[in-house]
Amino acid sequence: MTIHEELGFLTEQELSDLTGHSPRTLANWRSKRIGPPFVRLPGKPPLYPRNQALNWLTRRTVHTETRP
């Protein structure tokens, strides 16, 4: 287990795999301050707090109405 996994973070590639959005899209969202919350430490790639990323995904759930 890597340190980012132990601390509860996803890498950009892990989030990309989870959401189906490309790393380039995630980078674009970061530059516009939209998308899931992220942490950026100087000289390091961005990390996404796992719980916050999952909450972000959950808030985008679309519920459809079923008809009899």
PDB file of N, CA and C in Angstrom:
ATOM      1  N   MET A   1       0.852  -1.171   0.000  1.00  0.00           N
ATOM      2  CA  MET A   1       0.000   0.000   0.000  1.00  0.00           C
ATOM      3  C   MET A   1       0.899   1.236   0.000  1.00  0.00           C
ATOM      4  N   THR A   2       0.564   2.188  -0.880  1.00  0.00           N
ATOM      5  CA  THR A   2       1.373   3.403  -0.959  1.00  0.00           C
ATOM      6  C   THR A   2       0.942   4.393   0.118  1.00  0.00           C
ATOM      7  N   ILE A   3       1.773   5.396   0.337  1.00  0.00           N
ATOM      8  CA  ILE A   3       1.491   6.375   1.383  1.00  0.00           C
ATOM      9  C   ILE A   3       0.206   7.157   1.078  1.00  0.00           C
ATOM     10  N   HIS A   4      -0.022   7.476  -0.202  1.00  0.00           N
ATOM     11  CA  HIS A   4      -1.250   8.228  -0.510  1.00  0.00           C
ATOM     12  C   HIS A   4      -2.485   7.366  -0.249  1.00  0.00           C
ATOM     13  N   GLU A   5      -2.394   6.073  -0.469  1.00  0.00           N
ATOM     14  CA  GLU A   5      -3.515   5.183  -0.168  1.00  0.00           C
ATOM     15  C   GLU A   5      -3.741   5.091   1.341  1.00  0.00           C
ATOM     16  N   GLU A   6      -2.659   4.988   2.089  1.00  0.00           N
ATOM     17  CA  GLU A   6      -2.773   4.921   3.550  1.00  0.00           C
ATOM     18  C   GLU A   6      -3.422   6.180   4.118  1.00  0.00           C
ATOM     19  N   LEU A   7      -3.143   7.319   3.491  1.00  0.00           N
ATOM     20  CA  LEU A   7      -3.673   8.590   3.973  1.00  0.00           C
ATOM     21  C   LEU A   7      -5.046   8.920   3.383  1.00  0.00           C
ATOM     22  N   GLY A   8      -5.556   8.068   2.495  1.00  0.00           N
ATOM     23  CA  GLY A   8      -6.900   8.268   1.959  1.00  0.00           C
ATOM     24  C   GLY A   8      -6.983   9.191   0.759  1.00  0.00           C
ATOM     25  N   PHE A   9      -5.975   9.166  -0.104  1.00  0.00           N
ATOM     26  CA  PHE A   9      -5.971  10.006  -1.292  1.00  0.00           C
ATOM     27  C   PHE A   9      -5.975   9.158  -2.557  1.00  0.00           C
ATOM     28  N   LEU A  10      -6.504   9.738  -3.623  1.00  0.00           N
ATOM     29  CA  LEU A  10      -6.461   9.135  -4.954  1.00  0.00           C
ATOM     30  C   LEU A  10      -5.506   9.952  -5.819  1.00  0.00           C
ATOM     31  N   THR A  11      -4.775   9.280  -6.677  1.00  0.00           N
ATOM     32  CA  THR A  11      -3.961  10.001  -7.656  1.00  0.00           C
ATOM     33  C   THR A  11      -4.867  10.461  -8.791  1.00  0.00           C
ATOM     34  N   GLU A  12      -4.337  11.307  -9.636  1.00  0.00           N
ATOM     35  CA  GLU A  12      -5.090  11.771 -10.794  1.00  0.00           C
ATOM     36  C   GLU A  12      -5.508  10.588 -11.671  1.00  0.00           C
ATOM     37  N   GLN A  13      -4.604   9.648 -11.887  1.00  0.00           N
ATOM     38  CA  GLN A  13      -4.926   8.494 -12.724  1.00  0.00           C
ATOM     39  C   GLN A  13      -5.994   7.613 -12.081  1.00  0.00           C
ATOM     40  N   GLU A  14      -5.920   7.429 -10.773  1.00  0.00           N
ATOM     41  CA  GLU A  14      -6.936   6.636 -10.082  1.00  0.00           C
ATOM     42  C   GLU A  14      -8.313   7.279 -10.200  1.00  0.00           C
ATOM     43  N   LEU A  15      -8.369   8.601 -10.036  1.00  0.00           N
ATOM     44  CA  LEU A  15      -9.647   9.299 -10.170  1.00  0.00           C
ATOM     45  C   LEU A  15     -10.130   9.240 -11.614  1.00  0.00           C
ATOM     46  N   SER A  16      -9.218   9.352 -12.552  1.00  0.00           N
ATOM     47  CA  SER A  16      -9.563   9.235 -13.963  1.00  0.00           C
ATOM     48  C   SER A  16     -10.174   7.861 -14.258  1.00  0.00           C
ATOM     49  N   ASP A  17      -9.556   6.824 -13.742  1.00  0.00           N
ATOM     50  CA  ASP A  17     -10.075   5.465 -13.927  1.00  0.00           C
ATOM     51  C   ASP A  17     -11.453   5.308 -13.291  1.00  0.00           C
ATOM     52  N   LEU A  18     -11.642   5.919 -12.141  1.00  0.00           N
ATOM     53  CA  LEU A  18     -12.902   5.811 -11.402  1.00  0.00           C
ATOM     54  C   LEU A  18     -14.039   6.554 -12.101  1.00  0.00           C
ATOM     55  N   THR A  19     -13.752   7.738 -12.617  1.00  0.00           N
ATOM     56  CA  THR A  19     -14.803   8.586 -13.182  1.00  0.00           C
ATOM     57  C   THR A  19     -14.981   8.421 -14.687  1.00  0.00           C
ATOM     58  N   GLY A  20     -13.946   7.939 -15.357  1.00  0.00           N
ATOM     59  CA  GLY A  20     -14.004   7.862 -16.815  1.00  0.00           C
ATOM     60  C   GLY A  20     -13.612   9.162 -17.495  1.00  0.00           C
ATOM     61  N   HIS A  21     -13.223  10.169 -16.711  1.00  0.00           N
ATOM     62  CA  HIS A  21     -12.737  11.436 -17.267  1.00  0.00           C
ATOM     63  C   HIS A  21     -11.227  11.355 -17.415  1.00  0.00           C
ATOM     64  N   SER A  22     -10.726  11.903 -18.502  1.00  0.00           N
ATOM     65  CA  SER A  22      -9.288  11.826 -18.762  1.00  0.00           C
ATOM     66  C   SER A  22      -8.502  12.678 -17.765  1.00  0.00           C
ATOM     67  N   PRO A  23      -7.228  12.345 -17.560  1.00  0.00           N
ATOM     68  CA  PRO A  23      -6.378  13.198 -16.721  1.00  0.00           C
ATOM     69  C   PRO A  23      -6.335  14.632 -17.239  1.00  0.00           C
ATOM     70  N   ARG A  24      -6.405  14.794 -18.551  1.00  0.00           N
ATOM     71  CA  ARG A  24      -6.399  16.146 -19.128  1.00  0.00           C
ATOM     72  C   ARG A  24      -7.648  16.922 -18.707  1.00  0.00           C
ATOM     73  N   THR A  25      -8.800  16.256 -18.695  1.00  0.00           N
ATOM     74  CA  THR A  25     -10.031  16.901 -18.234  1.00  0.00           C
ATOM     75  C   THR A  25      -9.908  17.293 -16.773  1.00  0.00           C
ATOM     76  N   LEU A  26      -9.368  16.390 -15.948  1.00  0.00           N
ATOM     77  CA  LEU A  26      -9.186  16.700 -14.529  1.00  0.00           C
ATOM     78  C   LEU A  26      -8.258  17.903 -14.356  1.00  0.00           C
ATOM     79  N   ALA A  27      -7.196  17.963 -15.148  1.00  0.00           N
ATOM     80  CA  ALA A  27      -6.269  19.101 -15.085  1.00  0.00           C
ATOM     81  C   ALA A  27      -6.985  20.395 -15.485  1.00  0.00           C
ATOM     82  N   ASN A  28      -7.814  20.313 -16.515  1.00  0.00           N
ATOM     83  CA  ASN A  28      -8.581  21.482 -16.954  1.00  0.00           C
ATOM     84  C   ASN A  28      -9.522  21.939 -15.849  1.00  0.00           C
ATOM     85  N   TRP A  29     -10.196  21.000 -15.217  1.00  0.00           N
ATOM     86  CA  TRP A  29     -11.088  21.351 -14.115  1.00  0.00           C
ATOM     87  C   TRP A  29     -10.326  22.013 -12.975  1.00  0.00           C
ATOM     88  N   ARG A  30      -9.142  21.470 -12.640  1.00  0.00           N
ATOM     89  CA  ARG A  30      -8.354  22.082 -11.560  1.00  0.00           C
ATOM     90  C   ARG A  30      -8.016  23.524 -11.890  1.00  0.00           C
ATOM     91  N   SER A  31      -7.647  23.779 -13.143  1.00  0.00           N
ATOM     92  CA  SER A  31      -7.270  25.150 -13.525  1.00  0.00           C
ATOM     93  C   SER A  31      -8.449  26.108 -13.425  1.00  0.00           C
ATOM     94  N   LYS A  32      -9.666  25.566 -13.582  1.00  0.00           N
ATOM     95  CA  LYS A  32     -10.879  26.388 -13.496  1.00  0.00           C
ATOM     96  C   LYS A  32     -11.513  26.347 -12.108  1.00  0.00           C
ATOM     97  N   ARG A  33     -10.887  25.602 -11.201  1.00  0.00           N
ATOM     98  CA  ARG A  33     -11.388  25.432  -9.831  1.00  0.00           C
ATOM     99  C   ARG A  33     -12.799  24.831  -9.820  1.00  0.00           C
ATOM    100  N   ILE A  34     -13.025  23.873 -10.712  1.00  0.00           N
ATOM    101  CA  ILE A  34     -14.262  23.106 -10.716  1.00  0.00           C
ATOM    102  C   ILE A  34     -13.891  21.633 -10.571  1.00  0.00           C
ATOM    103  N   GLY A  35     -14.875  20.779 -10.407  1.00  0.00           N
ATOM    104  CA  GLY A  35     -14.583  19.359 -10.245  1.00  0.00           C
ATOM    105  C   GLY A  35     -14.329  19.011  -8.796  1.00  0.00           C
ATOM    106  N   PRO A  36     -13.827  17.810  -8.572  1.00  0.00           N
ATOM    107  CA  PRO A  36     -13.630  17.351  -7.200  1.00  0.00           C
ATOM    108  C   PRO A  36     -12.504  18.115  -6.495  1.00  0.00           C
ATOM    109  N   PRO A  37     -12.607  18.247  -5.158  1.00  0.00           N
ATOM    110  CA  PRO A  37     -11.557  18.923  -4.398  1.00  0.00           C
ATOM    111  C   PRO A  37     -10.221  18.184  -4.542  1.00  0.00           C
ATOM    112  N   PHE A  38      -9.143  18.933  -4.505  1.00  0.00           N
ATOM    113  CA  PHE A  38      -7.810  18.337  -4.628  1.00  0.00           C
ATOM    114  C   PHE A  38      -6.828  19.036  -3.712  1.00  0.00           C
ATOM    115  N   VAL A  39      -5.707  18.373  -3.499  1.00  0.00           N
ATOM    116  CA  VAL A  39      -4.614  18.901  -2.687  1.00  0.00           C
ATOM    117  C   VAL A  39      -3.388  18.984  -3.585  1.00  0.00           C
ATOM    118  N   ARG A  40      -2.724  20.116  -3.553  1.00  0.00           N
ATOM    119  CA  ARG A  40      -1.494  20.252  -4.325  1.00  0.00           C
ATOM    120  C   ARG A  40      -0.393  20.724  -3.378  1.00  0.00           C
ATOM    121  N   LEU A  41       0.626  19.909  -3.250  1.00  0.00           N
ATOM    122  CA  LEU A  41       1.802  20.284  -2.476  1.00  0.00           C
ATOM    123  C   LEU A  41       2.880  20.725  -3.450  1.00  0.00           C
ATOM    124  N   PRO A  42       3.694  21.689  -3.090  1.00  0.00           N
ATOM    125  CA  PRO A  42       4.731  22.178  -4.003  1.00  0.00           C
ATOM    126  C   PRO A  42       5.596  21.045  -4.549  1.00  0.00           C
ATOM    127  N   GLY A  43       5.720  21.013  -5.864  1.00  0.00           N
ATOM    128  CA  GLY A  43       6.573  20.034  -6.513  1.00  0.00           C
ATOM    129  C   GLY A  43       6.009  18.626  -6.581  1.00  0.00           C
ATOM    130  N   LYS A  44       4.762  18.445  -6.199  1.00  0.00           N
ATOM    131  CA  LYS A  44       4.141  17.112  -6.197  1.00  0.00           C
ATOM    132  C   LYS A  44       2.908  17.129  -7.091  1.00  0.00           C
ATOM    133  N   PRO A  45       2.540  15.966  -7.637  1.00  0.00           N
ATOM    134  CA  PRO A  45       1.307  15.917  -8.429  1.00  0.00           C
ATOM    135  C   PRO A  45       0.087  16.068  -7.526  1.00  0.00           C
ATOM    136  N   PRO A  46      -1.033  16.490  -8.089  1.00  0.00           N
ATOM    137  CA  PRO A  46      -2.229  16.678  -7.271  1.00  0.00           C
ATOM    138  C   PRO A  46      -2.749  15.354  -6.729  1.00  0.00           C
ATOM    139  N   LEU A  47      -3.352  15.431  -5.564  1.00  0.00           N
ATOM    140  CA  LEU A  47      -4.003  14.277  -4.947  1.00  0.00           C
ATOM    141  C   LEU A  47      -5.438  14.663  -4.623  1.00  0.00           C
ATOM    142  N   TYR A  48      -6.312  13.683  -4.661  1.00  0.00           N
ATOM    143  CA  TYR A  48      -7.726  13.910  -4.394  1.00  0.00           C
ATOM    144  C   TYR A  48      -8.112  13.159  -3.127  1.00  0.00           C
ATOM    145  N   PRO A  49      -8.600  13.858  -2.097  1.00  0.00           N
ATOM    146  CA  PRO A  49      -9.062  13.161  -0.902  1.00  0.00           C
ATOM    147  C   PRO A  49     -10.183  12.181  -1.291  1.00  0.00           C
ATOM    148  N   ARG A  50      -9.969  10.911  -0.995  1.00  0.00           N
ATOM    149  CA  ARG A  50     -10.885   9.849  -1.422  1.00  0.00           C
ATOM    150  C   ARG A  50     -12.340  10.140  -1.016  1.00  0.00           C
ATOM    151  N   ASN A  51     -12.578  10.448   0.253  1.00  0.00           N
ATOM    152  CA  ASN A  51     -13.942  10.685   0.728  1.00  0.00           C
ATOM    153  C   ASN A  51     -14.594  11.864   0.009  1.00  0.00           C
ATOM    154  N   GLN A  52     -13.844  12.934  -0.195  1.00  0.00           N
ATOM    155  CA  GLN A  52     -14.406  14.101  -0.868  1.00  0.00           C
ATOM    156  C   GLN A  52     -14.674  13.824  -2.342  1.00  0.00           C
ATOM    157  N   ALA A  53     -13.812  13.048  -2.977  1.00  0.00           N
ATOM    158  CA  ALA A  53     -14.028  12.679  -4.381  1.00  0.00           C
ATOM    159  C   ALA A  53     -15.274  11.811  -4.511  1.00  0.00           C
ATOM    160  N   LEU A  54     -15.461  10.877  -3.599  1.00  0.00           N
ATOM    161  CA  LEU A  54     -16.645  10.019  -3.638  1.00  0.00           C
ATOM    162  C   LEU A  54     -17.907  10.820  -3.344  1.00  0.00           C
ATOM    163  N   ASN A  55     -17.834  11.777  -2.414  1.00  0.00           N
ATOM    164  CA  ASN A  55     -18.977  12.662  -2.151  1.00  0.00           C
ATOM    165  C   ASN A  55     -19.310  13.497  -3.380  1.00  0.00           C
ATOM    166  N   TRP A  56     -18.286  13.986  -4.053  1.00  0.00           N
ATOM    167  CA  TRP A  56     -18.477  14.764  -5.278  1.00  0.00           C
ATOM    168  C   TRP A  56     -19.199  13.925  -6.325  1.00  0.00           C
ATOM    169  N   LEU A  57     -18.789  12.676  -6.470  1.00  0.00           N
ATOM    170  CA  LEU A  57     -19.456  11.780  -7.418  1.00  0.00           C
ATOM    171  C   LEU A  57     -20.900  11.514  -7.008  1.00  0.00           C
ATOM    172  N   THR A  58     -21.127  11.279  -5.734  1.00  0.00           N
ATOM    173  CA  THR A  58     -22.465  10.978  -5.236  1.00  0.00           C
ATOM    174  C   THR A  58     -23.423  12.139  -5.491  1.00  0.00           C
ATOM    175  N   ARG A  59     -22.942  13.361  -5.329  1.00  0.00           N
ATOM    176  CA  ARG A  59     -23.792  14.534  -5.550  1.00  0.00           C
ATOM    177  C   ARG A  59     -24.211  14.665  -7.016  1.00  0.00           C
ATOM    178  N   ARG A  60     -23.536  13.964  -7.901  1.00  0.00           N
ATOM    179  CA  ARG A  60     -23.859  14.022  -9.328  1.00  0.00           C
ATOM    180  C   ARG A  60     -24.723  12.852  -9.778  1.00  0.00           C
ATOM    181  N   THR A  61     -25.199  12.083  -8.828  1.00  0.00           N
ATOM    182  CA  THR A  61     -26.070  10.957  -9.153  1.00  0.00           C
ATOM    183  C   THR A  61     -27.393  11.481  -9.678  1.00  0.00           C
ATOM    184  N   VAL A  62     -27.816  10.946 -10.790  1.00  0.00           N
ATOM    185  CA  VAL A  62     -29.093  11.337 -11.382  1.00  0.00           C
ATOM    186  C   VAL A  62     -30.100  10.239 -11.062  1.00  0.00           C
ATOM    187  N   HIS A  63     -31.185  10.642 -10.439  1.00  0.00           N
ATOM    188  CA  HIS A  63     -32.246   9.713 -10.105  1.00  0.00           C
ATOM    189  C   HIS A  63     -33.335   9.838 -11.164  1.00  0.00           C
ATOM    190  N   THR A  64     -33.687   8.727 -11.728  1.00  0.00           N
ATOM    191  CA  THR A  64     -34.752   8.750 -12.724  1.00  0.00           C
ATOM    192  C   THR A  64     -36.034   8.213 -12.111  1.00  0.00           C
ATOM    193  N   GLU A  65     -37.100   8.722 -12.607  1.00  0.00           N
ATOM    194  CA  GLU A  65     -38.410   8.304 -12.106  1.00  0.00           C
ATOM    195  C   GLU A  65     -38.853   7.081 -12.902  1.00  0.00           C
ATOM    196  N   THR A  66     -39.250   6.054 -12.209  1.00  0.00           N
ATOM    197  CA  THR A  66     -39.750   4.872 -12.906  1.00  0.00           C
ATOM    198  C   THR A  66     -41.255   4.985 -13.027  1.00  0.00           C
ATOM    199  N   ARG A  67     -41.759   4.556 -14.144  1.00  0.00           N
ATOM    200  CA  ARG A  67     -43.201   4.608 -14.382  1.00  0.00           C
ATOM    201  C   ARG A  67     -43.759   3.189 -14.350  1.00  0.00           C
ATOM    202  N   PRO A  68     -44.940   3.054 -13.791  1.00  0.00           N
ATOM    203  CA  PRO A  68     -45.545   1.716 -13.719  1.00  0.00           C
ATOM    204  C   PRO A  68     -45.867   1.134 -15.080  1.00  0.00           C
TER     205      PRO A  68
END
